Amino acid sequence: MVAALTAYSKGLSNEAGARGIRVNTVAPGFIETTAAQRLIARLAEKAGTDEGTARQDLMDSLGGVPAV
């Protein structure tokens, strides 16, 4: 998904750049790091849910970005 968004943005910037329009890409998702895993575990424990639900709840709180 990230590669497709990047390719789309490059193509769009090639077309729009000549008119002074900038194109930015925001790739939704969650980067799995040790710190992120600890955060999800703490959120799950606090909410009394499993880690998958805690991850989705976190993404929902950030504007409904889907967890892939």
Protein backbone atom coordinates (compact mmCIF):
# COMPACT_ATOMS: atom_id res chain seq x y z
CA MET A 1 0.00 0.00 0.00
CA VAL A 2 2.81 2.43 0.84
CA ALA A 3 4.54 1.77 -2.49
CA ALA A 4 1.32 2.46 -4.39
CA LEU A 5 0.75 5.73 -2.52
CA THR A 6 4.34 6.79 -3.16
CA ALA A 7 4.09 6.02 -6.88
CA TYR A 8 0.78 7.87 -7.14
CA SER A 9 2.23 10.89 -5.35
CA LYS A 10 5.27 10.98 -7.61
CA GLY A 11 3.08 10.91 -10.71
CA LEU A 12 0.79 13.58 -9.33
CA SER A 13 3.73 15.79 -8.33
CA ASN A 14 5.19 15.47 -11.84
CA GLU A 15 1.94 16.83 -13.26
CA ALA A 16 1.15 19.44 -10.61
CA GLY A 17 4.69 20.52 -9.79
CA ALA A 18 5.00 22.61 -12.94
CA ARG A 19 2.17 24.78 -11.59
CA GLY A 20 3.83 25.19 -8.19
CA ILE A 21 1.61 22.67 -6.43
CA ARG A 22 3.30 20.44 -3.86
CA VAL A 23 2.18 16.88 -3.18
CA ASN A 24 2.65 15.14 0.17
CA THR A 25 1.99 11.52 1.05
CA VAL A 26 0.70 10.22 4.35
CA ALA A 27 0.89 6.45 4.58
CA PRO A 28 -1.51 5.21 7.26
CA GLY A 29 -0.42 2.40 9.46
CA PHE A 30 1.40 1.40 12.59
CA ILE A 31 5.14 0.81 12.86
CA GLU A 32 5.85 -2.22 15.02
CA THR A 33 8.62 -1.35 17.46
CA THR A 34 9.38 -2.64 20.93
CA ALA A 35 8.05 0.59 22.42
CA ALA A 36 4.86 0.35 20.33
CA GLN A 37 4.33 -3.25 21.42
CA ARG A 38 4.69 -2.23 25.07
CA LEU A 39 2.22 0.62 24.55
CA ILE A 40 -0.35 -1.71 22.99
CA ALA A 41 0.12 -4.23 25.82
CA ARG A 42 -0.42 -1.49 28.44
CA LEU A 43 -3.49 -0.16 26.64
CA ALA A 44 -4.95 -3.67 26.37
CA GLU A 45 -4.36 -4.37 30.04
CA LYS A 46 -5.86 -1.02 31.08
CA ALA A 47 -8.95 -1.56 28.90
CA GLY A 48 -9.29 -5.25 29.75
CA THR A 49 -9.12 -6.26 26.08
CA ASP A 50 -6.77 -8.17 23.82
CA GLU A 51 -3.90 -6.45 22.00
CA GLY A 52 -5.61 -6.55 18.60
CA THR A 53 -8.59 -4.65 19.98
CA ALA A 54 -6.30 -2.19 21.78
CA ARG A 55 -4.39 -1.54 18.54
CA GLN A 56 -7.62 -0.90 16.62
CA ASP A 57 -8.94 1.34 19.41
CA LEU A 58 -5.73 3.38 19.24
CA MET A 59 -6.03 3.75 15.47
CA ASP A 60 -9.69 4.75 15.82
CA SER A 61 -8.72 7.43 18.34
CA LEU A 62 -6.29 8.84 15.76
CA GLY A 63 -9.03 9.46 13.25
CA GLY A 64 -10.07 6.02 12.15
CA VAL A 65 -6.85 5.02 10.39
CA PRO A 66 -7.22 1.28 9.71
CA ALA A 67 -4.75 -1.16 11.21
CA VAL A 68 -3.49 -3.43 8.46
